[in-house]
Amino acid sequence: MAACETLLTWPEFCKESKEFILLSEKLDDTWSWEEKNSNIGQSYLKYQQKISVSTTNDLLQIEYHIVYSVSYQVPIMYFQAHYSDGKMIKLDDAWQIFHSNRNSQYSREDMLGILTQMEHPILFKPYMCLHPCRTAEILAQTPLSKNRLLTFVSVMGPYLQLNLDNRYGMLYI
């Protein structure tokens, strides 16, 4: 698949998101489709979970959003993470938490370049995200993917402790 074929149009993002939601419902998972309005780029996939931080035993509440990037034409994974007292984690703390919970192929400097803080394009609040600059390249490495959002979350989610049930892949064959 050529790199340009890995780019998503807004209608493709919506279609693949709705397919993703159908899989989630079949698996009794809790992904949801959030619509602010009907304009391009104003809807997103949402998922929430709690994780325990292995180095501190803190409990984190994490909310993930898979948002369409109009400029990059790829999905972007945004997230907010809060400690149990409601305090939002800082970017450097997020890198430490996610890097320590996974044997990452990325160095600290690489991860700090990938993991960034940006304004959420729909909610206009500060969120952390995986920068989309290399997403098309990652998606190009999976040319047989029938759902690029499922592939994106499966490949990039584990870096942020977002691990899909293996049955997602089995149901989508």
C-alpha atoms as a PDB file:
ATOM      1  CA  MET A   1       0.000   0.000   0.000  1.00  0.00           C
ATOM      2  CA  ALA A   2       1.454   3.352  -0.945  1.00  0.00           C
ATOM      3  CA  ALA A   3       1.877   5.954   1.788  1.00  0.00           C
ATOM      4  CA  CYS A   4      -0.872   8.120   0.304  1.00  0.00           C
ATOM      5  CA  GLU A   5      -3.282   5.168   0.548  1.00  0.00           C
ATOM      6  CA  THR A   6      -2.721   5.059   4.308  1.00  0.00           C
ATOM      7  CA  LEU A   7      -4.162   8.539   4.673  1.00  0.00           C
ATOM      8  CA  LEU A   8      -7.774   8.681   5.810  1.00  0.00           C
ATOM      9  CA  THR A   9     -10.555  10.866   4.571  1.00  0.00           C
ATOM     10  CA  TRP A  10     -13.111  12.067   7.086  1.00  0.00           C
ATOM     11  CA  PRO A  11     -15.814   9.690   5.709  1.00  0.00           C
ATOM     12  CA  GLU A  12     -13.363   6.762   5.977  1.00  0.00           C
ATOM     13  CA  PHE A  13     -12.510   7.724   9.559  1.00  0.00           C
ATOM     14  CA  CYS A  14     -16.221   7.795  10.450  1.00  0.00           C
ATOM     15  CA  LYS A  15     -16.925   4.467   8.710  1.00  0.00           C
ATOM     16  CA  GLU A  16     -13.983   2.694  10.350  1.00  0.00           C
ATOM     17  CA  SER A  17     -14.852   4.237  13.724  1.00  0.00           C
ATOM     18  CA  LYS A  18     -18.394   2.910  13.527  1.00  0.00           C
ATOM     19  CA  GLU A  19     -17.067  -0.544  12.570  1.00  0.00           C
ATOM     20  CA  PHE A  20     -14.754  -0.300  15.593  1.00  0.00           C
ATOM     21  CA  ILE A  21     -17.729   0.570  17.833  1.00  0.00           C
ATOM     22  CA  LEU A  22     -19.672  -2.453  16.511  1.00  0.00           C
ATOM     23  CA  LEU A  23     -16.742  -4.708  17.454  1.00  0.00           C
ATOM     24  CA  SER A  24     -16.591  -3.074  20.882  1.00  0.00           C
ATOM     25  CA  GLU A  25     -20.297  -3.755  21.417  1.00  0.00           C
ATOM     26  CA  LYS A  26     -19.908  -7.409  20.355  1.00  0.00           C
ATOM     27  CA  LEU A  27     -17.102  -7.786  22.899  1.00  0.00           C
ATOM     28  CA  ASP A  28     -18.974  -5.922  25.669  1.00  0.00           C
ATOM     29  CA  ASP A  29     -16.184  -3.353  25.669  1.00  0.00           C
ATOM     30  CA  THR A  30     -16.808   0.306  26.495  1.00  0.00           C
ATOM     31  CA  TRP A  31     -15.586   2.318  23.506  1.00  0.00           C
ATOM     32  CA  SER A  32     -17.971   5.095  22.490  1.00  0.00           C
ATOM     33  CA  TRP A  33     -18.450   7.462  19.544  1.00  0.00           C
ATOM     34  CA  GLU A  34     -18.678  11.080  20.668  1.00  0.00           C
ATOM     35  CA  GLU A  35     -20.105  13.734  18.329  1.00  0.00           C
ATOM     36  CA  LYS A  36     -19.775  17.420  19.044  1.00  0.00           C
ATOM     37  CA  ASN A  37     -21.463  18.318  15.768  1.00  0.00           C
ATOM     38  CA  SER A  38     -21.631  17.093  12.169  1.00  0.00           C
ATOM     39  CA  ASN A  39     -18.671  19.130  10.885  1.00  0.00           C
ATOM     40  CA  ILE A  40     -15.512  17.447   9.610  1.00  0.00           C
ATOM     41  CA  GLY A  41     -13.247  16.348  12.452  1.00  0.00           C
ATOM     42  CA  GLN A  42     -15.762  17.024  15.223  1.00  0.00           C
ATOM     43  CA  SER A  43     -16.337  13.419  16.397  1.00  0.00           C
ATOM     44  CA  TYR A  44     -14.032  10.910  18.026  1.00  0.00           C
ATOM     45  CA  LEU A  45     -13.690   7.494  19.621  1.00  0.00           C
ATOM     46  CA  LYS A  46     -13.491   7.501  23.418  1.00  0.00           C
ATOM     47  CA  TYR A  47     -12.315   4.912  25.946  1.00  0.00           C
ATOM     48  CA  GLN A  48     -11.672   5.084  29.701  1.00  0.00           C
ATOM     49  CA  GLN A  49      -9.735   2.807  31.997  1.00  0.00           C
ATOM     50  CA  LYS A  50      -7.913   2.723  35.313  1.00  0.00           C
ATOM     51  CA  ILE A  51      -4.364   1.472  35.612  1.00  0.00           C
ATOM     52  CA  SER A  52      -2.023   0.972  38.514  1.00  0.00           C
ATOM     53  CA  VAL A  53       1.401   2.588  38.216  1.00  0.00           C
ATOM     54  CA  SER A  54       3.877  -0.162  39.004  1.00  0.00           C
ATOM     55  CA  THR A  55       6.592   2.153  40.335  1.00  0.00           C
ATOM     56  CA  THR A  56       4.381   4.074  42.793  1.00  0.00           C
ATOM     57  CA  ASN A  57       1.210   1.970  43.202  1.00  0.00           C
ATOM     58  CA  ASP A  58      -0.797   5.087  42.271  1.00  0.00           C
ATOM     59  CA  LEU A  59      -4.097   4.544  40.497  1.00  0.00           C
ATOM     60  CA  LEU A  60      -4.568   6.505  37.274  1.00  0.00           C
ATOM     61  CA  GLN A  61      -7.850   7.227  35.496  1.00  0.00           C
ATOM     62  CA  ILE A  62      -7.069   7.566  31.785  1.00  0.00           C
ATOM     63  CA  GLU A  63      -9.402   8.806  29.084  1.00  0.00           C
ATOM     64  CA  TYR A  64      -8.306   8.146  25.504  1.00  0.00           C
ATOM     65  CA  HIS A  65      -9.658   9.856  22.390  1.00  0.00           C
ATOM     66  CA  ILE A  66      -8.952   8.753  18.825  1.00  0.00           C
ATOM     67  CA  VAL A  67      -9.404  11.950  16.843  1.00  0.00           C
ATOM     68  CA  TYR A  68      -9.197  12.617  13.110  1.00  0.00           C
ATOM     69  CA  SER A  69      -6.418  15.009  12.120  1.00  0.00           C
ATOM     70  CA  VAL A  70      -7.676  17.149   9.275  1.00  0.00           C
ATOM     71  CA  SER A  71      -4.152  18.365   8.468  1.00  0.00           C
ATOM     72  CA  TYR A  72      -2.322  14.996   8.683  1.00  0.00           C
ATOM     73  CA  GLN A  73      -5.322  12.898   7.535  1.00  0.00           C
ATOM     74  CA  VAL A  74      -4.556  10.192  10.100  1.00  0.00           C
ATOM     75  CA  PRO A  75      -5.902   9.254  13.520  1.00  0.00           C
ATOM     76  CA  ILE A  76      -4.307  10.874  16.561  1.00  0.00           C
ATOM     77  CA  MET A  77      -4.425   9.354  20.034  1.00  0.00           C
ATOM     78  CA  TYR A  78      -5.124  12.008  22.674  1.00  0.00           C
ATOM     79  CA  PHE A  79      -5.368  11.222  26.360  1.00  0.00           C
ATOM     80  CA  GLN A  80      -5.720  12.728  29.801  1.00  0.00           C
ATOM     81  CA  ALA A  81      -4.588  10.908  32.893  1.00  0.00           C
ATOM     82  CA  HIS A  82      -5.472  11.834  36.460  1.00  0.00           C
ATOM     83  CA  TYR A  83      -4.316  10.499  39.794  1.00  0.00           C
ATOM     84  CA  SER A  84      -6.989   9.257  42.184  1.00  0.00           C
ATOM     85  CA  ASP A  85      -6.989  12.695  43.878  1.00  0.00           C
ATOM     86  CA  GLY A  86      -8.002  14.301  40.543  1.00  0.00           C
ATOM     87  CA  LYS A  87      -4.618  15.885  39.810  1.00  0.00           C
ATOM     88  CA  MET A  88      -3.652  15.658  36.129  1.00  0.00           C
ATOM     89  CA  ILE A  89      -0.303  14.040  35.418  1.00  0.00           C
ATOM     90  CA  LYS A  90       2.440  16.132  33.830  1.00  0.00           C
ATOM     91  CA  LEU A  91       3.969  15.294  30.459  1.00  0.00           C
ATOM     92  CA  ASP A  92       7.307  14.179  31.925  1.00  0.00           C
ATOM     93  CA  ASP A  93       5.491  12.026  34.521  1.00  0.00           C
ATOM     94  CA  ALA A  94       3.413  10.468  31.732  1.00  0.00           C
ATOM     95  CA  TRP A  95       6.540   9.517  29.852  1.00  0.00           C
ATOM     96  CA  GLN A  96       8.043   7.989  33.006  1.00  0.00           C
ATOM     97  CA  ILE A  97       4.867   6.038  33.779  1.00  0.00           C
ATOM     98  CA  PHE A  98       4.300   4.693  30.289  1.00  0.00           C
ATOM     99  CA  HIS A  99       7.957   4.010  29.572  1.00  0.00           C
ATOM    100  CA  SER A 100       8.470   2.149  32.871  1.00  0.00           C
ATOM    101  CA  ASN A 101       5.429  -0.066  32.213  1.00  0.00           C
ATOM    102  CA  ARG A 102       6.655  -1.214  28.817  1.00  0.00           C
ATOM    103  CA  ASN A 103       9.931  -2.299  27.305  1.00  0.00           C
ATOM    104  CA  SER A 104       9.961   0.523  24.820  1.00  0.00           C
ATOM    105  CA  GLN A 105      12.010   0.532  21.654  1.00  0.00           C
ATOM    106  CA  TYR A 106      12.181   4.312  22.007  1.00  0.00           C
ATOM    107  CA  SER A 107      14.719   6.207  24.060  1.00  0.00           C
ATOM    108  CA  ARG A 108      13.598   8.824  26.562  1.00  0.00           C
ATOM    109  CA  GLU A 109      14.424  11.583  24.054  1.00  0.00           C
ATOM    110  CA  ASP A 110      12.541   9.812  21.242  1.00  0.00           C
ATOM    111  CA  MET A 111       9.479   9.301  23.423  1.00  0.00           C
ATOM    112  CA  LEU A 112       9.489  12.919  24.549  1.00  0.00           C
ATOM    113  CA  GLY A 113       9.420  13.854  20.848  1.00  0.00           C
ATOM    114  CA  ILE A 114       6.506  11.500  20.148  1.00  0.00           C
ATOM    115  CA  LEU A 115       4.536  12.161  23.332  1.00  0.00           C
ATOM    116  CA  THR A 116       3.514  15.797  23.393  1.00  0.00           C
ATOM    117  CA  GLN A 117       0.911  18.094  24.895  1.00  0.00           C
ATOM    118  CA  MET A 118      -1.508  19.860  22.563  1.00  0.00           C
ATOM    119  CA  GLU A 119      -4.900  21.476  22.673  1.00  0.00           C
ATOM    120  CA  HIS A 120      -7.618  18.943  21.917  1.00  0.00           C
ATOM    121  CA  PRO A 121      -9.030  20.053  18.532  1.00  0.00           C
ATOM    122  CA  ILE A 122     -12.635  19.398  19.562  1.00  0.00           C
ATOM    123  CA  LEU A 123     -12.728  20.083  23.303  1.00  0.00           C
ATOM    124  CA  PHE A 124     -10.151  22.924  23.309  1.00  0.00           C
ATOM    125  CA  LYS A 125      -8.544  21.653  26.517  1.00  0.00           C
ATOM    126  CA  PRO A 126      -4.952  20.557  27.092  1.00  0.00           C
ATOM    127  CA  TYR A 127      -4.443  16.869  26.331  1.00  0.00           C
ATOM    128  CA  MET A 128      -1.379  14.757  25.786  1.00  0.00           C
ATOM    129  CA  CYS A 129      -1.065  12.921  22.511  1.00  0.00           C
ATOM    130  CA  LEU A 130       1.136  10.790  20.334  1.00  0.00           C
ATOM    131  CA  HIS A 131       2.312  13.192  17.667  1.00  0.00           C
ATOM    132  CA  PRO A 132       0.854  12.196  14.268  1.00  0.00           C
ATOM    133  CA  CYS A 133       3.915  12.965  12.138  1.00  0.00           C
ATOM    134  CA  ARG A 134       4.791   9.271  11.607  1.00  0.00           C
ATOM    135  CA  THR A 135       1.332   7.689  11.794  1.00  0.00           C
ATOM    136  CA  ALA A 136       0.950   7.344   8.010  1.00  0.00           C
ATOM    137  CA  GLU A 137       4.327   5.586   7.909  1.00  0.00           C
ATOM    138  CA  ILE A 138       3.221   3.174  10.652  1.00  0.00           C
ATOM    139  CA  LEU A 139      -0.069   2.450   8.901  1.00  0.00           C
ATOM    140  CA  ALA A 140       1.783   1.882   5.618  1.00  0.00           C
ATOM    141  CA  GLN A 141       3.562  -1.055   7.291  1.00  0.00           C
ATOM    142  CA  THR A 142       0.229  -2.873   7.633  1.00  0.00           C
ATOM    143  CA  PRO A 143      -1.092  -2.861   4.059  1.00  0.00           C
ATOM    144  CA  LEU A 144      -3.574  -5.699   4.633  1.00  0.00           C
ATOM    145  CA  SER A 145      -5.421  -3.884   7.413  1.00  0.00           C
ATOM    146  CA  LYS A 146      -9.188  -3.846   6.917  1.00  0.00           C
ATOM    147  CA  ASN A 147      -9.642  -1.182   9.602  1.00  0.00           C
ATOM    148  CA  ARG A 148      -6.858   1.356  10.010  1.00  0.00           C
ATOM    149  CA  LEU A 149      -8.217   2.636  13.323  1.00  0.00           C
ATOM    150  CA  LEU A 150      -8.147  -0.858  14.798  1.00  0.00           C
ATOM    151  CA  THR A 151      -4.592  -1.234  13.495  1.00  0.00           C
ATOM    152  CA  PHE A 152      -3.597   2.175  14.863  1.00  0.00           C
ATOM    153  CA  VAL A 153      -4.945   1.461  18.353  1.00  0.00           C
ATOM    154  CA  SER A 154      -3.444  -2.045  18.326  1.00  0.00           C
ATOM    155  CA  VAL A 155       0.011  -0.759  17.368  1.00  0.00           C
ATOM    156  CA  MET A 156       0.194   2.552  19.259  1.00  0.00           C
ATOM    157  CA  GLY A 157      -2.118   1.913  22.217  1.00  0.00           C
ATOM    158  CA  PRO A 158       0.279  -0.328  24.155  1.00  0.00           C
ATOM    159  CA  TYR A 159       2.735   2.580  24.463  1.00  0.00           C
ATOM    160  CA  LEU A 160       0.052   4.287  26.573  1.00  0.00           C
ATOM    161  CA  GLN A 161      -1.177   1.172  28.403  1.00  0.00           C
ATOM    162  CA  LEU A 162      -4.126   0.817  26.029  1.00  0.00           C
ATOM    163  CA  ASN A 163      -4.196  -2.851  25.113  1.00  0.00           C
ATOM    164  CA  LEU A 164      -7.050  -4.131  22.985  1.00  0.00           C
ATOM    165  CA  ASP A 165      -8.488  -7.561  23.593  1.00  0.00           C
ATOM    166  CA  ASN A 166      -7.058  -9.984  21.006  1.00  0.00           C
ATOM    167  CA  ARG A 167     -10.618 -10.848  19.999  1.00  0.00           C
ATOM    168  CA  TYR A 168     -10.841  -7.496  18.145  1.00  0.00           C
ATOM    169  CA  GLY A 169      -8.467  -8.883  15.543  1.00  0.00           C
ATOM    170  CA  MET A 170     -10.183 -12.252  15.388  1.00  0.00           C
ATOM    171  CA  LEU A 171     -13.622 -10.711  14.853  1.00  0.00           C
ATOM    172  CA  TYR A 172     -12.375  -8.493  12.070  1.00  0.00           C
ATOM    173  CA  ILE A 173     -10.797 -11.147   9.861  1.00  0.00           C
END
